[in-house]
Amino acid sequence: ADWESSYGTRFGSGEGFIYDGVLNVPSGHE
């Protein structure tokens, strides 16, 4: 399904996110 930002302009929070809700691919991960 389409994935749209659900917190205003944010996708979420946690290890997978950076800069207040940007999808992040951290170092060491593929």
PDB file of all heavy atoms in Angstrom:
ATOM      1  N   ALA A   1       0.865  -1.183   0.000  1.00  0.00           N
ATOM      2  CA  ALA A   1       0.000   0.000   0.000  1.00  0.00           C
ATOM      3  C   ALA A   1       0.898   1.229   0.000  1.00  0.00           C
ATOM      4  O   ALA A   1       2.095   1.144   0.322  1.00  0.00           O
ATOM      5  CB  ALA A   1      -0.925   0.009   1.208  1.00  0.00           C
ATOM      6  N   ASP A   2       0.347   2.364  -0.375  1.00  0.00           N
ATOM      7  CA  ASP A   2       1.107   3.610  -0.317  1.00  0.00           C
ATOM      8  C   ASP A   2       1.461   3.930   1.133  1.00  0.00           C
ATOM      9  O   ASP A   2       0.633   3.747   2.047  1.00  0.00           O
ATOM     10  CB  ASP A   2       0.299   4.760  -0.907  1.00  0.00           C
ATOM     11  CG  ASP A   2       0.095   4.630  -2.409  1.00  0.00           C
ATOM     12  OD1 ASP A   2       0.918   3.974  -3.065  1.00  0.00           O
ATOM     13  OD2 ASP A   2      -0.900   5.186  -2.914  1.00  0.00           O
ATOM     14  N   TRP A   3       2.681   4.421   1.337  1.00  0.00           N
ATOM     15  CA  TRP A   3       3.117   4.799   2.674  1.00  0.00           C
ATOM     16  C   TRP A   3       3.273   6.319   2.695  1.00  0.00           C
ATOM     17  O   TRP A   3       4.166   6.868   2.067  1.00  0.00           O
ATOM     18  CB  TRP A   3       4.449   4.119   3.001  1.00  0.00           C
ATOM     19  CG  TRP A   3       4.957   4.378   4.400  1.00  0.00           C
ATOM     20  CD1 TRP A   3       4.314   5.036   5.393  1.00  0.00           C
ATOM     21  CD2 TRP A   3       6.211   3.952   4.939  1.00  0.00           C
ATOM     22  NE1 TRP A   3       5.071   5.065   6.532  1.00  0.00           N
ATOM     23  CE2 TRP A   3       6.254   4.407   6.288  1.00  0.00           C
ATOM     24  CE3 TRP A   3       7.289   3.250   4.434  1.00  0.00           C
ATOM     25  CZ2 TRP A   3       7.349   4.173   7.113  1.00  0.00           C
ATOM     26  CZ3 TRP A   3       8.381   3.015   5.253  1.00  0.00           C
ATOM     27  CH2 TRP A   3       8.411   3.466   6.588  1.00  0.00           C
ATOM     28  N   GLU A   4       2.378   6.977   3.412  1.00  0.00           N
ATOM     29  CA  GLU A   4       2.406   8.432   3.507  1.00  0.00           C
ATOM     30  C   GLU A   4       2.744   8.850   4.928  1.00  0.00           C
ATOM     31  O   GLU A   4       2.408   8.154   5.890  1.00  0.00           O
ATOM     32  CB  GLU A   4       1.054   9.026   3.090  1.00  0.00           C
ATOM     33  CG  GLU A   4       0.682   8.700   1.648  1.00  0.00           C
ATOM     34  CD  GLU A   4      -0.578   9.419   1.211  1.00  0.00           C
ATOM     35  OE1 GLU A   4      -1.114  10.216   2.003  1.00  0.00           O
ATOM     36  OE2 GLU A   4      -1.018   9.184   0.075  1.00  0.00           O
ATOM     37  N   SER A   5       3.425   9.985   5.036  1.00  0.00           N
ATOM     38  CA  SER A   5       3.788  10.487   6.361  1.00  0.00           C
ATOM     39  C   SER A   5       2.521  10.681   7.184  1.00  0.00           C
ATOM     40  O   SER A   5       1.562  11.294   6.733  1.00  0.00           O
ATOM     41  CB  SER A   5       4.553  11.802   6.248  1.00  0.00           C
ATOM     42  OG  SER A   5       3.790  12.758   5.530  1.00  0.00           O
ATOM     43  N   SER A   6       2.529  10.144   8.385  1.00  0.00           N
ATOM     44  CA  SER A   6       1.310  10.126   9.194  1.00  0.00           C
ATOM     45  C   SER A   6       1.344  11.076  10.378  1.00  0.00           C
ATOM     46  O   SER A   6       0.368  11.193  11.094  1.00  0.00           O
ATOM     47  CB  SER A   6       1.062   8.705   9.711  1.00  0.00           C
ATOM     48  OG  SER A   6       2.186   8.234  10.432  1.00  0.00           O
ATOM     49  N   TYR A   7       2.462  11.751  10.592  1.00  0.00           N
ATOM     50  CA  TYR A   7       2.579  12.696  11.709  1.00  0.00           C
ATOM     51  C   TYR A   7       2.910  14.083  11.161  1.00  0.00           C
ATOM     52  O   TYR A   7       3.956  14.645  11.438  1.00  0.00           O
ATOM     53  CB  TYR A   7       3.665  12.249  12.684  1.00  0.00           C
ATOM     54  CG  TYR A   7       3.435  10.869  13.256  1.00  0.00           C
ATOM     55  CD1 TYR A   7       4.086   9.763  12.719  1.00  0.00           C
ATOM     56  CD2 TYR A   7       2.557  10.673  14.313  1.00  0.00           C
ATOM     57  CE1 TYR A   7       3.877   8.501  13.244  1.00  0.00           C
ATOM     58  CE2 TYR A   7       2.341   9.415  14.838  1.00  0.00           C
ATOM     59  CZ  TYR A   7       3.007   8.323  14.298  1.00  0.00           C
ATOM     60  OH  TYR A   7       2.787   7.066  14.806  1.00  0.00           O
ATOM     61  N   GLY A   8       2.031  14.607  10.353  1.00  0.00           N
ATOM     62  CA  GLY A   8       2.304  15.886   9.708  1.00  0.00           C
ATOM     63  C   GLY A   8       3.257  15.681   8.551  1.00  0.00           C
ATOM     64  O   GLY A   8       2.853  15.370   7.442  1.00  0.00           O
ATOM     65  N   THR A   9       4.551  15.825   8.841  1.00  0.00           N
ATOM     66  CA  THR A   9       5.562  15.622   7.782  1.00  0.00           C
ATOM     67  C   THR A   9       6.506  14.493   8.151  1.00  0.00           C
ATOM     68  O   THR A   9       7.537  14.325   7.517  1.00  0.00           O
ATOM     69  CB  THR A   9       6.382  16.914   7.588  1.00  0.00           C
ATOM     70  OG1 THR A   9       7.135  17.187   8.789  1.00  0.00           O
ATOM     71  CG2 THR A   9       5.496  18.085   7.255  1.00  0.00           C
ATOM     72  N   ARG A  10       6.173  13.690   9.159  1.00  0.00           N
ATOM     73  CA  ARG A  10       7.060  12.658   9.675  1.00  0.00           C
ATOM     74  C   ARG A  10       6.543  11.265   9.331  1.00  0.00           C
ATOM     75  O   ARG A  10       5.352  11.007   9.341  1.00  0.00           O
ATOM     76  CB  ARG A  10       7.204  12.791  11.192  1.00  0.00           C
ATOM     77  CG  ARG A  10       7.727  14.138  11.635  1.00  0.00           C
ATOM     78  CD  ARG A  10       7.585  14.348  13.142  1.00  0.00           C
ATOM     79  NE  ARG A  10       8.298  13.314  13.891  1.00  0.00           N
ATOM     80  CZ  ARG A  10       7.691  12.465  14.737  1.00  0.00           C
ATOM     81  NH1 ARG A  10       6.380  12.533  14.918  1.00  0.00           N
ATOM     82  NH2 ARG A  10       8.401  11.565  15.388  1.00  0.00           N
ATOM     83  N   PHE A  11       7.503  10.339   9.064  1.00  0.00           N
ATOM     84  CA  PHE A  11       7.134   8.950   8.822  1.00  0.00           C
ATOM     85  C   PHE A  11       7.074   8.147  10.113  1.00  0.00           C
ATOM     86  O   PHE A  11       6.388   7.128  10.178  1.00  0.00           O
ATOM     87  CB  PHE A  11       8.133   8.294   7.866  1.00  0.00           C
ATOM     88  CG  PHE A  11       7.978   8.735   6.444  1.00  0.00           C
ATOM     89  CD1 PHE A  11       8.865   9.636   5.891  1.00  0.00           C
ATOM     90  CD2 PHE A  11       6.948   8.255   5.650  1.00  0.00           C
ATOM     91  CE1 PHE A  11       8.731  10.054   4.568  1.00  0.00           C
ATOM     92  CE2 PHE A  11       6.804   8.664   4.334  1.00  0.00           C
ATOM     93  CZ  PHE A  11       7.694   9.565   3.791  1.00  0.00           C
ATOM     94  N   GLY A  12       7.816   8.544  11.132  1.00  0.00           N
ATOM     95  CA  GLY A  12       7.787   7.790  12.372  1.00  0.00           C
ATOM     96  C   GLY A  12       8.966   8.133  13.264  1.00  0.00           C
ATOM     97  O   GLY A  12       9.699   9.098  13.016  1.00  0.00           O
ATOM     98  N   SER A  13       9.162   7.323  14.299  1.00  0.00           N
ATOM     99  CA  SER A  13      10.266   7.528  15.229  1.00  0.00           C
ATOM    100  C   SER A  13      10.885   6.183  15.587  1.00  0.00           C
ATOM    101  O   SER A  13      10.270   5.127  15.400  1.00  0.00           O
ATOM    102  CB  SER A  13       9.770   8.237  16.495  1.00  0.00           C
ATOM    103  OG  SER A  13       8.778   7.451  17.145  1.00  0.00           O
ATOM    104  N   GLY A  14      12.103   6.230  16.070  1.00  0.00           N
ATOM    105  CA  GLY A  14      12.810   5.003  16.420  1.00  0.00           C
ATOM    106  C   GLY A  14      14.126   4.922  15.681  1.00  0.00           C
ATOM    107  O   GLY A  14      14.585   5.883  15.047  1.00  0.00           O
ATOM    108  N   GLU A  15      14.762   3.750  15.747  1.00  0.00           N
ATOM    109  CA  GLU A  15      16.093   3.576  15.158  1.00  0.00           C
ATOM    110  C   GLU A  15      16.090   3.783  13.640  1.00  0.00           C
ATOM    111  O   GLU A  15      17.099   4.175  13.060  1.00  0.00           O
ATOM    112  CB  GLU A  15      16.631   2.181  15.484  1.00  0.00           C
ATOM    113  CG  GLU A  15      18.066   1.961  15.054  1.00  0.00           C
ATOM    114  CD  GLU A  15      18.574   0.576  15.393  1.00  0.00           C
ATOM    115  OE1 GLU A  15      17.843  -0.191  16.050  1.00  0.00           O
ATOM    116  OE2 GLU A  15      19.709   0.252  14.985  1.00  0.00           O
ATOM    117  N   GLY A  16      14.954   3.540  13.004  1.00  0.00           N
ATOM    118  CA  GLY A  16      14.894   3.630  11.552  1.00  0.00           C
ATOM    119  C   GLY A  16      14.622   5.020  11.026  1.00  0.00           C
ATOM    120  O   GLY A  16      14.459   5.189   9.809  1.00  0.00           O
ATOM    121  N   PHE A  17      14.618   6.026  11.915  1.00  0.00           N
ATOM    122  CA  PHE A  17      14.264   7.382  11.485  1.00  0.00           C
ATOM    123  C   PHE A  17      15.294   8.382  12.002  1.00  0.00           C
ATOM    124  O   PHE A  17      15.941   8.163  13.027  1.00  0.00           O
ATOM    125  CB  PHE A  17      12.856   7.739  11.969  1.00  0.00           C
ATOM    126  CG  PHE A  17      11.809   6.782  11.491  1.00  0.00           C
ATOM    127  CD1 PHE A  17      11.498   5.659  12.258  1.00  0.00           C
ATOM    128  CD2 PHE A  17      11.170   6.958  10.284  1.00  0.00           C
ATOM    129  CE1 PHE A  17      10.549   4.742  11.817  1.00  0.00           C
ATOM    130  CE2 PHE A  17      10.221   6.059   9.836  1.00  0.00           C
ATOM    131  CZ  PHE A  17       9.908   4.945  10.594  1.00  0.00           C
ATOM    132  N   ILE A  18      15.430   9.480  11.289  1.00  0.00           N
ATOM    133  CA  ILE A  18      16.400  10.516  11.624  1.00  0.00           C
ATOM    134  C   ILE A  18      15.782  11.876  11.323  1.00  0.00           C
ATOM    135  O   ILE A  18      14.827  11.971  10.550  1.00  0.00           O
ATOM    136  CB  ILE A  18      17.707  10.300  10.809  1.00  0.00           C
ATOM    137  CG1 ILE A  18      18.867  11.124  11.371  1.00  0.00           C
ATOM    138  CG2 ILE A  18      17.481  10.600   9.328  1.00  0.00           C
ATOM    139  CD1 ILE A  18      20.201  10.811  10.682  1.00  0.00           C
ATOM    140  N   TYR A  19      16.345  12.922  11.908  1.00  0.00           N
ATOM    141  CA  TYR A  19      15.866  14.294  11.660  1.00  0.00           C
ATOM    142  C   TYR A  19      14.349  14.416  11.815  1.00  0.00           C
ATOM    143  O   TYR A  19      13.643  14.888  10.935  1.00  0.00           O
ATOM    144  CB  TYR A  19      16.289  14.766  10.261  1.00  0.00           C
ATOM    145  CG  TYR A  19      17.767  14.783  10.036  1.00  0.00           C
ATOM    146  CD1 TYR A  19      18.313  14.183   8.905  1.00  0.00           C
ATOM    147  CD2 TYR A  19      18.633  15.384  10.944  1.00  0.00           C
ATOM    148  CE1 TYR A  19      19.682  14.189   8.685  1.00  0.00           C
ATOM    149  CE2 TYR A  19      20.009  15.382  10.731  1.00  0.00           C
ATOM    150  CZ  TYR A  19      20.526  14.786   9.607  1.00  0.00           C
ATOM    151  OH  TYR A  19      21.876  14.778   9.395  1.00  0.00           O
ATOM    152  N   ASP A  20      13.875  13.932  12.962  1.00  0.00           N
ATOM    153  CA  ASP A  20      12.457  14.089  13.293  1.00  0.00           C
ATOM    154  C   ASP A  20      11.537  13.471  12.250  1.00  0.00           C
ATOM    155  O   ASP A  20      10.599  14.094  11.748  1.00  0.00           O
ATOM    156  CB  ASP A  20      12.118  15.571  13.491  1.00  0.00           C
ATOM    157  CG  ASP A  20      10.750  15.763  14.134  1.00  0.00           C
ATOM    158  OD1 ASP A  20      10.335  14.874  14.892  1.00  0.00           O
ATOM    159  OD2 ASP A  20      10.111  16.795  13.854  1.00  0.00           O
ATOM    160  N   GLY A  21      11.851  12.217  11.883  1.00  0.00           N
ATOM    161  CA  GLY A  21      10.875  11.484  11.082  1.00  0.00           C
ATOM    162  C   GLY A  21      11.260  11.142   9.662  1.00  0.00           C
ATOM    163  O   GLY A  21      10.422  10.662   8.899  1.00  0.00           O
ATOM    164  N   VAL A  22      12.523  11.359   9.248  1.00  0.00           N
ATOM    165  CA  VAL A  22      12.965  11.000   7.896  1.00  0.00           C
ATOM    166  C   VAL A  22      13.372   9.527   7.884  1.00  0.00           C
ATOM    167  O   VAL A  22      14.058   9.052   8.800  1.00  0.00           O
ATOM    168  CB  VAL A  22      14.156  11.871   7.453  1.00  0.00           C
ATOM    169  CG1 VAL A  22      14.653  11.461   6.066  1.00  0.00           C
ATOM    170  CG2 VAL A  22      13.766  13.341   7.468  1.00  0.00           C
ATOM    171  N   LEU A  23      12.967   8.785   6.853  1.00  0.00           N
ATOM    172  CA  LEU A  23      13.415   7.396   6.716  1.00  0.00           C
ATOM    173  C   LEU A  23      14.939   7.356   6.635  1.00  0.00           C
ATOM    174  O   LEU A  23      15.535   8.069   5.821  1.00  0.00           O
ATOM    175  CB  LEU A  23      12.830   6.774   5.442  1.00  0.00           C
ATOM    176  CG  LEU A  23      11.325   6.490   5.421  1.00  0.00           C
ATOM    177  CD1 LEU A  23      10.911   5.991   4.053  1.00  0.00           C
ATOM    178  CD2 LEU A  23      10.965   5.474   6.479  1.00  0.00           C
ATOM    179  N   ASN A  24      15.559   6.492   7.462  1.00  0.00           N
ATOM    180  CA  ASN A  24      17.012   6.463   7.548  1.00  0.00           C
ATOM    181  C   ASN A  24      17.542   5.059   7.261  1.00  0.00           C
ATOM    182  O   ASN A  24      16.952   4.061   7.702  1.00  0.00           O
ATOM    183  CB  ASN A  24      17.464   6.905   8.949  1.00  0.00           C
ATOM    184  CG  ASN A  24      18.982   6.991   9.055  1.00  0.00           C
ATOM    185  OD1 ASN A  24      19.640   7.462   8.127  1.00  0.00           O
ATOM    186  ND2 ASN A  24      19.533   6.533  10.167  1.00  0.00           N
ATOM    187  N   VAL A  25      18.647   5.003   6.515  1.00  0.00           N
ATOM    188  CA  VAL A  25      19.403   3.758   6.357  1.00  0.00           C
ATOM    189  C   VAL A  25      20.726   3.979   7.084  1.00  0.00           C
ATOM    190  O   VAL A  25      21.616   4.658   6.581  1.00  0.00           O
ATOM    191  CB  VAL A  25      19.643   3.426   4.871  1.00  0.00           C
ATOM    192  CG1 VAL A  25      20.457   2.140   4.754  1.00  0.00           C
ATOM    193  CG2 VAL A  25      18.317   3.283   4.128  1.00  0.00           C
ATOM    194  N   PRO A  26      20.877   3.410   8.282  1.00  0.00           N
ATOM    195  CA  PRO A  26      22.062   3.697   9.094  1.00  0.00           C
ATOM    196  C   PRO A  26      23.321   3.017   8.553  1.00  0.00           C
ATOM    197  O   PRO A  26      23.259   2.108   7.715  1.00  0.00           O
ATOM    198  CB  PRO A  26      21.695   3.137  10.470  1.00  0.00           C
ATOM    199  CG  PRO A  26      20.227   2.855  10.422  1.00  0.00           C
ATOM    200  CD  PRO A  26      19.918   2.587   8.997  1.00  0.00           C
ATOM    201  N   SER A  27      24.454   3.444   9.069  1.00  0.00           N
ATOM    202  CA  SER A  27      25.729   2.828   8.723  1.00  0.00           C
ATOM    203  C   SER A  27      25.717   1.351   9.101  1.00  0.00           C
ATOM    204  O   SER A  27      25.189   0.961  10.150  1.00  0.00           O
ATOM    205  CB  SER A  27      26.866   3.537   9.462  1.00  0.00           C
ATOM    206  OG  SER A  27      28.103   2.929   9.168  1.00  0.00           O
ATOM    207  N   GLY A  28      26.286   0.527   8.215  1.00  0.00           N
ATOM    208  CA  GLY A  28      26.353  -0.897   8.495  1.00  0.00           C
ATOM    209  C   GLY A  28      25.115  -1.669   8.103  1.00  0.00           C
ATOM    210  O   GLY A  28      25.051  -2.887   8.303  1.00  0.00           O
ATOM    211  N   HIS A  29      24.119  -1.017   7.551  1.00  0.00           N
ATOM    212  CA  HIS A  29      22.886  -1.681   7.147  1.00  0.00           C
ATOM    213  C   HIS A  29      22.708  -1.618   5.627  1.00  0.00           C
ATOM    214  O   HIS A  29      23.042  -0.610   4.990  1.00  0.00           O
ATOM    215  CB  HIS A  29      21.674  -1.017   7.802  1.00  0.00           C
ATOM    216  CG  HIS A  29      21.589  -1.258   9.273  1.00  0.00           C
ATOM    217  ND1 HIS A  29      20.782  -2.217   9.839  1.00  0.00           N
ATOM    218  CD2 HIS A  29      22.225  -0.652  10.303  1.00  0.00           C
ATOM    219  CE1 HIS A  29      20.918  -2.203  11.143  1.00  0.00           C
ATOM    220  NE2 HIS A  29      21.791  -1.254  11.454  1.00  0.00           N
ATOM    221  N   GLU A  30      22.175  -2.688   5.075  1.00  0.00           N
ATOM    222  CA  GLU A  30      21.801  -2.736   3.659  1.00  0.00           C
ATOM    223  C   GLU A  30      20.314  -3.045   3.577  1.00  0.00           C
ATOM    224  O   GLU A  30      19.877  -4.136   3.969  1.00  0.00           O
ATOM    225  CB  GLU A  30      22.602  -3.789   2.893  1.00  0.00           C
ATOM    226  CG  GLU A  30      22.239  -3.838   1.414  1.00  0.00           C
ATOM    227  CD  GLU A  30      23.113  -4.790   0.608  1.00  0.00           C
ATOM    228  OE1 GLU A  30      24.036  -5.382   1.198  1.00  0.00           O
ATOM    229  OE2 GLU A  30      22.859  -4.939  -0.608  1.00  0.00           O
TER     230      GLU A  30
END
